[in-house]
Every structure is written in C-alpha cells, then in structure tokens.
Amino acid sequence: MAADAGQRRLKVKRLSPTATLPRRAHPGDAGLDLYAAVDLDIPPGETRLVGTAIAIELPRGTEAQVRPRSGLALKHSVTVLNTPGTIDEGYRGEVGVILINHGREPFTVHQGMKVAQLVVQPTLAVEVEETTQLGDTERGAGGFGSTGN
C-alpha cells in the first residue's frame, strides 16, 4: 500500500518563495487550484501567459490538464485558451496558464489569484500500428455534425 501512495503523490517545487502551492478548495474536488505568481492586465480580446512560479513532478503514468475556472468564465469572460492544456509526465519547467479575455473590459490578474485548475489523470501508452483497414462502425467516416443536432 505504501508504494501505491507514492504513485499518487504530486511533487511541487516553488520557483519563488511567494508561490502558492496548488490545493483543492473542497475534499473530493477533481481539480487543484492554480494561483498566479504575477500581477498583469489582459486587455479585451488578448491573451497572456500567467506564471504560477511552480514546477511539478507528476506520478508515473499520468498527465496534468490545465482547465478553466467556471467563475472567471461566467463573471469575467476569461478562460484558458488551449483547454485543456496538457502537461506531460516528463515536463519540469514552470507551470503556465494561457488566459484569454473574451470580455469587453480589461481583466486584472493579481498575484495569489486562482487562475485555473489542475486535474491529474492516468494516461494510456499505446503503440502505433499502421493498417490498411479499419473496423466498420455505424458512424463510419462521418465528420463534424454527422450525428445530428
């Protein structure tokens, strides 16, 4: 059981003494809140990279997804641009959050503000196998909108 607990440990390194470690707002929450390490403004229609001043070491066989916060989206029209942003298991650089302001007013990010959430998920390592034939399905090759409204 001790080895299993180690597999569930997210190691976090502060890159600044003022960095805020990710944490769940409530027990059972899927995501850990990510906090801004900088103050900056995001003009309407523009994008900024928000540093968190943390680096992480994910458990083996996992990835982290940077996802938007619903409150920022609803109240300010600010969201994560490349959602979900994927952090691979081997990445050790600073965790950054790409925010876009879809609103009509400038949005100010303050140091220590919750800007996104981090969800850690298992990954499935697959081997790529080239083939000349794929299995048939009811949908087939139908593309965007092929399943109806």
N, C-alpha and C. Protein backbone atom coordinates (compact mmCIF):
# COMPACT_ATOMS: atom_id res chain seq x y z
N MET A 1 0.83 -1.20 0.00
CA MET A 1 0.00 0.00 0.00
C MET A 1 0.87 1.26 0.00
N ALA A 2 2.04 1.24 0.62
CA ALA A 2 2.91 2.42 0.67
C ALA A 2 3.38 2.81 -0.73
N ALA A 3 3.66 1.81 -1.59
CA ALA A 3 4.10 2.12 -2.95
C ALA A 3 2.97 2.80 -3.72
N ASP A 4 1.73 2.36 -3.50
CA ASP A 4 0.58 2.95 -4.16
C ASP A 4 0.42 4.41 -3.76
N ALA A 5 0.64 4.72 -2.49
CA ALA A 5 0.53 6.11 -2.01
C ALA A 5 1.57 6.99 -2.69
N GLY A 6 2.77 6.45 -2.92
CA GLY A 6 3.82 7.20 -3.61
C GLY A 6 3.45 7.50 -5.05
N GLN A 7 2.71 6.58 -5.68
CA GLN A 7 2.27 6.77 -7.06
C GLN A 7 1.23 7.88 -7.16
N ARG A 8 0.63 8.27 -6.06
CA ARG A 8 -0.42 9.31 -6.07
C ARG A 8 0.11 10.65 -5.59
N ARG A 9 1.40 10.77 -5.45
CA ARG A 9 1.99 11.99 -4.90
C ARG A 9 2.40 12.93 -6.03
N LEU A 10 1.92 14.17 -5.96
CA LEU A 10 2.33 15.21 -6.90
C LEU A 10 3.39 16.04 -6.21
N LYS A 11 4.61 15.97 -6.71
CA LYS A 11 5.69 16.77 -6.13
C LYS A 11 5.66 18.16 -6.74
N VAL A 12 5.75 19.18 -5.89
CA VAL A 12 5.68 20.57 -6.34
C VAL A 12 6.88 21.32 -5.81
N LYS A 13 7.57 22.01 -6.72
CA LYS A 13 8.73 22.83 -6.36
C LYS A 13 8.37 24.29 -6.54
N ARG A 14 8.57 25.07 -5.48
CA ARG A 14 8.36 26.52 -5.59
C ARG A 14 9.54 27.13 -6.34
N LEU A 15 9.26 27.93 -7.34
CA LEU A 15 10.29 28.65 -8.09
C LEU A 15 10.47 30.05 -7.54
N SER A 16 9.62 30.41 -6.59
CA SER A 16 9.68 31.70 -5.91
C SER A 16 9.15 31.47 -4.50
N PRO A 17 9.70 32.18 -3.51
CA PRO A 17 9.21 31.99 -2.14
C PRO A 17 7.76 32.42 -1.97
N THR A 18 7.25 33.24 -2.88
CA THR A 18 5.86 33.72 -2.76
C THR A 18 4.86 32.84 -3.53
N ALA A 19 5.35 31.80 -4.19
CA ALA A 19 4.45 30.92 -4.95
C ALA A 19 3.46 30.23 -4.01
N THR A 20 2.25 30.05 -4.51
CA THR A 20 1.21 29.34 -3.76
C THR A 20 1.11 27.92 -4.30
N LEU A 21 1.19 26.94 -3.41
CA LEU A 21 1.08 25.55 -3.84
C LEU A 21 -0.35 25.25 -4.28
N PRO A 22 -0.51 24.40 -5.30
CA PRO A 22 -1.86 24.00 -5.72
C PRO A 22 -2.58 23.29 -4.58
N ARG A 23 -3.88 23.51 -4.50
CA ARG A 23 -4.66 22.81 -3.47
C ARG A 23 -6.12 22.74 -3.89
N ARG A 24 -6.80 21.74 -3.30
CA ARG A 24 -8.23 21.57 -3.54
C ARG A 24 -8.99 22.53 -2.63
N ALA A 25 -10.03 23.13 -3.17
CA ALA A 25 -10.86 24.02 -2.35
C ALA A 25 -11.71 23.21 -1.40
N HIS A 26 -12.13 22.02 -1.83
CA HIS A 26 -13.01 21.17 -1.02
C HIS A 26 -12.58 19.72 -1.18
N PRO A 27 -12.74 18.91 -0.14
CA PRO A 27 -12.45 17.48 -0.29
C PRO A 27 -13.30 16.90 -1.41
N GLY A 28 -12.69 16.05 -2.21
CA GLY A 28 -13.42 15.43 -3.31
C GLY A 28 -13.41 16.21 -4.60
N ASP A 29 -12.90 17.46 -4.60
CA ASP A 29 -12.79 18.23 -5.85
C ASP A 29 -11.85 17.51 -6.80
N ALA A 30 -12.18 17.51 -8.08
CA ALA A 30 -11.33 16.86 -9.08
C ALA A 30 -10.07 17.67 -9.35
N GLY A 31 -10.18 18.99 -9.28
CA GLY A 31 -9.06 19.85 -9.63
C GLY A 31 -8.40 20.51 -8.44
N LEU A 32 -7.12 20.79 -8.62
CA LEU A 32 -6.34 21.57 -7.66
C LEU A 32 -6.28 22.99 -8.20
N ASP A 33 -6.55 23.98 -7.36
CA ASP A 33 -6.48 25.37 -7.82
C ASP A 33 -5.05 25.76 -8.13
N LEU A 34 -4.86 26.48 -9.24
CA LEU A 34 -3.57 27.05 -9.61
C LEU A 34 -3.64 28.56 -9.39
N TYR A 35 -2.56 29.12 -8.86
CA TYR A 35 -2.53 30.52 -8.45
C TYR A 35 -1.51 31.32 -9.26
N ALA A 36 -1.87 32.54 -9.61
CA ALA A 36 -0.97 33.44 -10.33
C ALA A 36 0.18 33.85 -9.43
N ALA A 37 1.36 33.95 -10.01
CA ALA A 37 2.54 34.41 -9.29
C ALA A 37 2.90 35.83 -9.68
N VAL A 38 2.08 36.44 -10.53
CA VAL A 38 2.37 37.77 -11.08
C VAL A 38 1.11 38.62 -11.09
N ASP A 39 1.32 39.91 -11.19
CA ASP A 39 0.24 40.87 -11.47
C ASP A 39 0.33 41.23 -12.94
N LEU A 40 -0.78 41.21 -13.63
CA LEU A 40 -0.79 41.63 -15.04
C LEU A 40 -2.20 41.93 -15.49
N ASP A 41 -2.29 42.71 -16.55
CA ASP A 41 -3.58 43.05 -17.15
C ASP A 41 -3.75 42.30 -18.46
N ILE A 42 -4.98 41.89 -18.73
CA ILE A 42 -5.30 41.25 -20.01
C ILE A 42 -6.36 42.12 -20.68
N PRO A 43 -5.98 42.87 -21.72
CA PRO A 43 -6.95 43.70 -22.43
C PRO A 43 -8.00 42.83 -23.13
N PRO A 44 -9.17 43.40 -23.42
CA PRO A 44 -10.21 42.66 -24.13
C PRO A 44 -9.67 42.05 -25.43
N GLY A 45 -9.99 40.79 -25.66
CA GLY A 45 -9.59 40.12 -26.89
C GLY A 45 -8.14 39.65 -26.92
N GLU A 46 -7.41 39.83 -25.84
CA GLU A 46 -5.99 39.46 -25.84
C GLU A 46 -5.69 38.29 -24.92
N THR A 47 -4.50 37.74 -25.10
CA THR A 47 -4.04 36.55 -24.40
C THR A 47 -2.77 36.87 -23.65
N ARG A 48 -2.62 36.27 -22.45
CA ARG A 48 -1.39 36.42 -21.68
C ARG A 48 -1.03 35.08 -21.05
N LEU A 49 0.28 34.85 -20.92
CA LEU A 49 0.77 33.69 -20.19
C LEU A 49 0.95 34.10 -18.74
N VAL A 50 0.24 33.42 -17.86
CA VAL A 50 0.29 33.73 -16.43
C VAL A 50 1.17 32.69 -15.75
N GLY A 51 2.27 33.15 -15.18
CA GLY A 51 3.16 32.25 -14.46
C GLY A 51 2.60 31.87 -13.10
N THR A 52 2.93 30.66 -12.66
CA THR A 52 2.50 30.18 -11.35
C THR A 52 3.67 30.07 -10.37
N ALA A 53 4.89 30.16 -10.88
CA ALA A 53 6.11 30.03 -10.08
C ALA A 53 6.21 28.68 -9.38
N ILE A 54 5.63 27.66 -10.02
CA ILE A 54 5.79 26.30 -9.52
C ILE A 54 6.20 25.39 -10.68
N ALA A 55 6.91 24.33 -10.34
CA ALA A 55 7.20 23.23 -11.27
C ALA A 55 6.70 21.96 -10.59
N ILE A 56 6.33 20.98 -11.38
CA ILE A 56 5.76 19.76 -10.80
C ILE A 56 6.45 18.51 -11.32
N GLU A 57 6.36 17.46 -10.52
CA GLU A 57 6.77 16.12 -10.93
C GLU A 57 5.54 15.23 -10.77
N LEU A 58 4.99 14.84 -11.90
CA LEU A 58 3.78 14.03 -11.90
C LEU A 58 4.09 12.57 -11.57
N PRO A 59 3.14 11.86 -10.99
CA PRO A 59 3.32 10.42 -10.80
C PRO A 59 3.48 9.72 -12.15
N ARG A 60 4.21 8.64 -12.18
CA ARG A 60 4.39 7.88 -13.42
C ARG A 60 3.05 7.47 -13.98
N GLY A 61 2.96 7.54 -15.32
CA GLY A 61 1.73 7.11 -15.99
C GLY A 61 0.59 8.10 -15.90
N THR A 62 0.92 9.39 -15.64
CA THR A 62 -0.14 10.41 -15.57
C THR A 62 0.21 11.61 -16.43
N GLU A 63 -0.76 12.46 -16.62
CA GLU A 63 -0.61 13.77 -17.23
C GLU A 63 -1.40 14.73 -16.37
N ALA A 64 -1.12 16.02 -16.51
CA ALA A 64 -1.92 17.03 -15.83
C ALA A 64 -2.61 17.87 -16.89
N GLN A 65 -3.85 18.22 -16.62
CA GLN A 65 -4.61 19.07 -17.52
C GLN A 65 -4.89 20.39 -16.83
N VAL A 66 -4.54 21.49 -17.51
CA VAL A 66 -4.84 22.83 -17.01
C VAL A 66 -6.20 23.22 -17.58
N ARG A 67 -7.15 23.44 -16.69
CA ARG A 67 -8.52 23.70 -17.11
C ARG A 67 -9.00 25.04 -16.57
N PRO A 68 -10.02 25.62 -17.23
CA PRO A 68 -10.55 26.91 -16.79
C PRO A 68 -11.28 26.82 -15.46
N ARG A 69 -11.45 27.97 -14.85
CA ARG A 69 -12.31 28.10 -13.66
C ARG A 69 -13.63 28.68 -14.13
N SER A 70 -14.71 28.04 -13.75
CA SER A 70 -16.03 28.45 -14.23
C SER A 70 -16.40 29.86 -13.77
N GLY A 71 -15.97 30.25 -12.57
CA GLY A 71 -16.28 31.58 -12.07
C GLY A 71 -15.65 32.69 -12.90
N LEU A 72 -14.39 32.50 -13.32
CA LEU A 72 -13.74 33.50 -14.18
C LEU A 72 -14.45 33.58 -15.53
N ALA A 73 -14.84 32.43 -16.05
CA ALA A 73 -15.52 32.42 -17.34
C ALA A 73 -16.88 33.12 -17.26
N LEU A 74 -17.66 32.79 -16.25
CA LEU A 74 -19.00 33.36 -16.13
C LEU A 74 -18.98 34.85 -15.78
N LYS A 75 -18.17 35.22 -14.80
CA LYS A 75 -18.18 36.59 -14.29
C LYS A 75 -17.36 37.57 -15.13
N HIS A 76 -16.29 37.06 -15.79
CA HIS A 76 -15.37 37.98 -16.48
C HIS A 76 -15.10 37.61 -17.94
N SER A 77 -15.65 36.50 -18.42
CA SER A 77 -15.38 36.01 -19.79
C SER A 77 -13.91 35.72 -20.00
N VAL A 78 -13.23 35.27 -18.95
CA VAL A 78 -11.81 34.92 -19.02
C VAL A 78 -11.69 33.41 -18.87
N THR A 79 -10.92 32.80 -19.78
CA THR A 79 -10.81 31.34 -19.76
C THR A 79 -9.42 30.91 -20.21
N VAL A 80 -9.14 29.63 -20.06
CA VAL A 80 -7.88 29.05 -20.54
C VAL A 80 -8.01 28.85 -22.04
N LEU A 81 -7.06 29.38 -22.80
CA LEU A 81 -7.17 29.37 -24.25
C LEU A 81 -7.04 27.97 -24.83
N ASN A 82 -6.06 27.20 -24.42
CA ASN A 82 -5.83 25.88 -25.01
C ASN A 82 -6.37 24.78 -24.09
N THR A 83 -7.61 24.89 -23.74
CA THR A 83 -8.15 23.99 -22.74
C THR A 83 -8.52 22.63 -23.32
N PRO A 84 -8.20 21.53 -22.68
CA PRO A 84 -7.28 21.54 -21.55
C PRO A 84 -5.84 21.60 -22.03
N GLY A 85 -5.05 22.39 -21.34
CA GLY A 85 -3.62 22.42 -21.62
C GLY A 85 -2.99 21.18 -20.99
N THR A 86 -2.20 20.47 -21.75
CA THR A 86 -1.62 19.22 -21.28
C THR A 86 -0.20 19.43 -20.76
N ILE A 87 0.06 18.92 -19.57
CA ILE A 87 1.42 18.88 -19.02
C ILE A 87 1.84 17.41 -19.00
N ASP A 88 2.86 17.10 -19.76
CA ASP A 88 3.34 15.73 -19.84
C ASP A 88 4.14 15.34 -18.61
N GLU A 89 4.17 14.06 -18.35
CA GLU A 89 4.84 13.49 -17.18
C GLU A 89 6.29 13.94 -17.03
N GLY A 90 7.00 14.11 -18.13
CA GLY A 90 8.41 14.46 -18.05
C GLY A 90 8.72 15.94 -17.98
N TYR A 91 7.73 16.81 -18.08
CA TYR A 91 7.98 18.26 -18.06
C TYR A 91 8.34 18.72 -16.66
N ARG A 92 9.38 19.53 -16.55
CA ARG A 92 9.82 20.02 -15.24
C ARG A 92 9.94 21.55 -15.18
N GLY A 93 9.47 22.25 -16.21
CA GLY A 93 9.53 23.70 -16.21
C GLY A 93 8.38 24.30 -15.43
N GLU A 94 8.34 25.64 -15.45
CA GLU A 94 7.27 26.35 -14.74
C GLU A 94 5.91 26.03 -15.37
N VAL A 95 4.93 25.81 -14.53
CA VAL A 95 3.55 25.63 -14.99
C VAL A 95 3.01 27.01 -15.33
N GLY A 96 2.58 27.17 -16.56
CA GLY A 96 1.99 28.43 -17.01
C GLY A 96 0.55 28.22 -17.44
N VAL A 97 -0.22 29.28 -17.36
CA VAL A 97 -1.64 29.24 -17.72
C VAL A 97 -1.86 30.29 -18.80
N ILE A 98 -2.34 29.86 -19.97
CA ILE A 98 -2.63 30.79 -21.06
C ILE A 98 -4.07 31.25 -20.90
N LEU A 99 -4.24 32.51 -20.49
CA LEU A 99 -5.58 33.07 -20.31
C LEU A 99 -5.92 33.99 -21.47
N ILE A 100 -7.20 33.95 -21.87
CA ILE A 100 -7.70 34.88 -22.88
C ILE A 100 -8.90 35.62 -22.30
N ASN A 101 -8.97 36.90 -22.59
CA ASN A 101 -10.06 37.74 -22.12
C ASN A 101 -11.06 37.92 -23.27
N HIS A 102 -12.16 37.20 -23.19
CA HIS A 102 -13.23 37.33 -24.18
C HIS A 102 -14.20 38.46 -23.83
N GLY A 103 -13.96 39.12 -22.71
CA GLY A 103 -14.86 40.17 -22.25
C GLY A 103 -14.64 41.49 -22.96
N ARG A 104 -15.42 42.49 -22.54
CA ARG A 104 -15.33 43.83 -23.14
C ARG A 104 -14.49 44.79 -22.31
N GLU A 105 -14.13 44.36 -21.10
CA GLU A 105 -13.34 45.19 -20.19
C GLU A 105 -11.99 44.53 -19.93
N PRO A 106 -10.96 45.33 -19.62
CA PRO A 106 -9.68 44.73 -19.22
C PRO A 106 -9.87 43.88 -17.96
N PHE A 107 -9.10 42.83 -17.86
CA PHE A 107 -9.14 41.96 -16.69
C PHE A 107 -7.78 42.00 -16.02
N THR A 108 -7.77 42.20 -14.70
CA THR A 108 -6.52 42.27 -13.95
C THR A 108 -6.31 40.98 -13.17
N VAL A 109 -5.15 40.37 -13.39
CA VAL A 109 -4.73 39.20 -12.62
C VAL A 109 -3.85 39.71 -11.49
N HIS A 110 -4.13 39.26 -10.28
CA HIS A 110 -3.33 39.64 -9.12
C HIS A 110 -2.55 38.43 -8.61
N GLN A 111 -1.35 38.66 -8.12
CA GLN A 111 -0.57 37.60 -7.52
C GLN A 111 -1.40 36.92 -6.42
N GLY A 112 -1.41 35.60 -6.42
CA GLY A 112 -2.18 34.84 -5.44
C GLY A 112 -3.61 34.54 -5.85
N MET A 113 -4.05 35.06 -7.00
CA MET A 113 -5.40 34.82 -7.50
C MET A 113 -5.50 33.42 -8.12
N LYS A 114 -6.61 32.75 -7.89
CA LYS A 114 -6.86 31.47 -8.55
C LYS A 114 -7.13 31.75 -10.02
N VAL A 115 -6.35 31.14 -10.91
CA VAL A 115 -6.50 31.42 -12.34
C VAL A 115 -6.91 30.20 -13.17
N ALA A 116 -6.76 29.00 -12.62
CA ALA A 116 -7.10 27.78 -13.35
C ALA A 116 -7.14 26.63 -12.37
N GLN A 117 -7.44 25.46 -12.89
CA GLN A 117 -7.36 24.27 -12.05
C GLN A 117 -6.53 23.21 -12.76
N LEU A 118 -5.91 22.37 -11.97
CA LEU A 118 -5.03 21.32 -12.46
C LEU A 118 -5.66 19.98 -12.11
N VAL A 119 -5.92 19.17 -13.14
CA VAL A 119 -6.50 17.85 -12.94
C VAL A 119 -5.49 16.82 -13.41
N VAL A 120 -5.13 15.89 -12.53
CA VAL A 120 -4.16 14.84 -12.85
C VAL A 120 -4.94 13.59 -13.27
N GLN A 121 -4.58 13.05 -14.43
CA GLN A 121 -5.28 11.90 -15.00
C GLN A 121 -4.28 10.83 -15.41
N PRO A 122 -4.70 9.55 -15.35
CA PRO A 122 -3.84 8.50 -15.89
C PRO A 122 -3.77 8.58 -17.41
N THR A 123 -2.68 8.12 -17.97
CA THR A 123 -2.54 8.07 -19.42
C THR A 123 -2.45 6.62 -19.87
N LEU A 124 -2.79 6.39 -21.10
CA LEU A 124 -2.71 5.07 -21.69
C LEU A 124 -1.62 5.10 -22.74
N ALA A 125 -0.56 4.35 -22.53
CA ALA A 125 0.52 4.28 -23.51
C ALA A 125 0.09 3.30 -24.60
N VAL A 126 -0.01 3.77 -25.81
CA VAL A 126 -0.41 2.92 -26.93
C VAL A 126 0.73 2.81 -27.92
N GLU A 127 0.73 1.71 -28.65
CA GLU A 127 1.68 1.53 -29.74
C GLU A 127 0.96 1.84 -31.04
N VAL A 128 1.61 2.59 -31.90
CA VAL A 128 1.02 2.94 -33.19
C VAL A 128 1.24 1.77 -34.15
N GLU A 129 0.16 1.33 -34.74
CA GLU A 129 0.21 0.22 -35.70
C GLU A 129 -0.41 0.68 -37.00
N GLU A 130 0.38 0.72 -38.05
CA GLU A 130 -0.16 1.11 -39.35
C GLU A 130 -1.01 -0.03 -39.91
N THR A 131 -2.12 0.34 -40.55
CA THR A 131 -3.02 -0.66 -41.12
C THR A 131 -3.60 -0.11 -42.41
N THR A 132 -4.11 -0.99 -43.23
CA THR A 132 -4.78 -0.57 -44.46
C THR A 132 -6.29 -0.65 -44.32
N GLN A 133 -6.77 -1.17 -43.19
CA GLN A 133 -8.21 -1.36 -43.00
C GLN A 133 -8.57 -1.05 -41.55
N LEU A 134 -9.66 -0.32 -41.35
CA LEU A 134 -10.19 -0.05 -40.03
C LEU A 134 -11.53 -0.75 -39.88
N GLY A 135 -11.91 -1.08 -38.66
CA GLY A 135 -13.18 -1.74 -38.41
C GLY A 135 -14.36 -0.83 -38.74
N ASP A 136 -15.46 -1.44 -39.18
CA ASP A 136 -16.67 -0.69 -39.52
C ASP A 136 -17.43 -0.31 -38.25
N THR A 137 -18.08 0.87 -38.29
CA THR A 137 -18.96 1.31 -37.23
C THR A 137 -20.20 1.93 -37.85
N GLU A 138 -21.23 2.17 -37.05
CA GLU A 138 -22.44 2.80 -37.55
C GLU A 138 -22.16 4.22 -38.06
N ARG A 139 -21.30 4.94 -37.37
CA ARG A 139 -20.98 6.32 -37.76
C ARG A 139 -20.07 6.36 -38.96
N GLY A 140 -19.12 5.45 -39.03
CA GLY A 140 -18.21 5.41 -40.16
C GLY A 140 -17.32 6.63 -40.20
N ALA A 141 -17.15 7.22 -41.38
CA ALA A 141 -16.26 8.36 -41.56
C ALA A 141 -16.99 9.69 -41.42
N GLY A 142 -18.24 9.66 -40.93
CA GLY A 142 -19.00 10.90 -40.78
C GLY A 142 -18.25 11.90 -39.90
N GLY A 143 -18.13 13.11 -40.35
CA GLY A 143 -17.34 14.13 -39.66
C GLY A 143 -18.18 15.02 -38.76
N PHE A 144 -17.76 16.26 -38.65
CA PHE A 144 -18.43 17.24 -37.79
C PHE A 144 -19.91 17.33 -38.11
N GLY A 145 -20.74 17.22 -37.09
CA GLY A 145 -22.18 17.33 -37.26
C GLY A 145 -22.85 16.10 -37.82
N SER A 146 -22.12 15.01 -38.00
CA SER A 146 -22.70 13.83 -38.65
C SER A 146 -23.64 13.06 -37.73
N THR A 147 -23.65 13.38 -36.43
CA THR A 147 -24.55 12.66 -35.52
C THR A 147 -25.84 13.43 -35.30
N GLY A 148 -26.05 14.52 -36.01
CA GLY A 148 -27.28 15.30 -35.89
C GLY A 148 -27.06 16.54 -35.05
N ASN A 149 -28.17 17.17 -34.65
CA ASN A 149 -28.12 18.44 -33.89
C ASN A 149 -27.54 18.17 -32.59
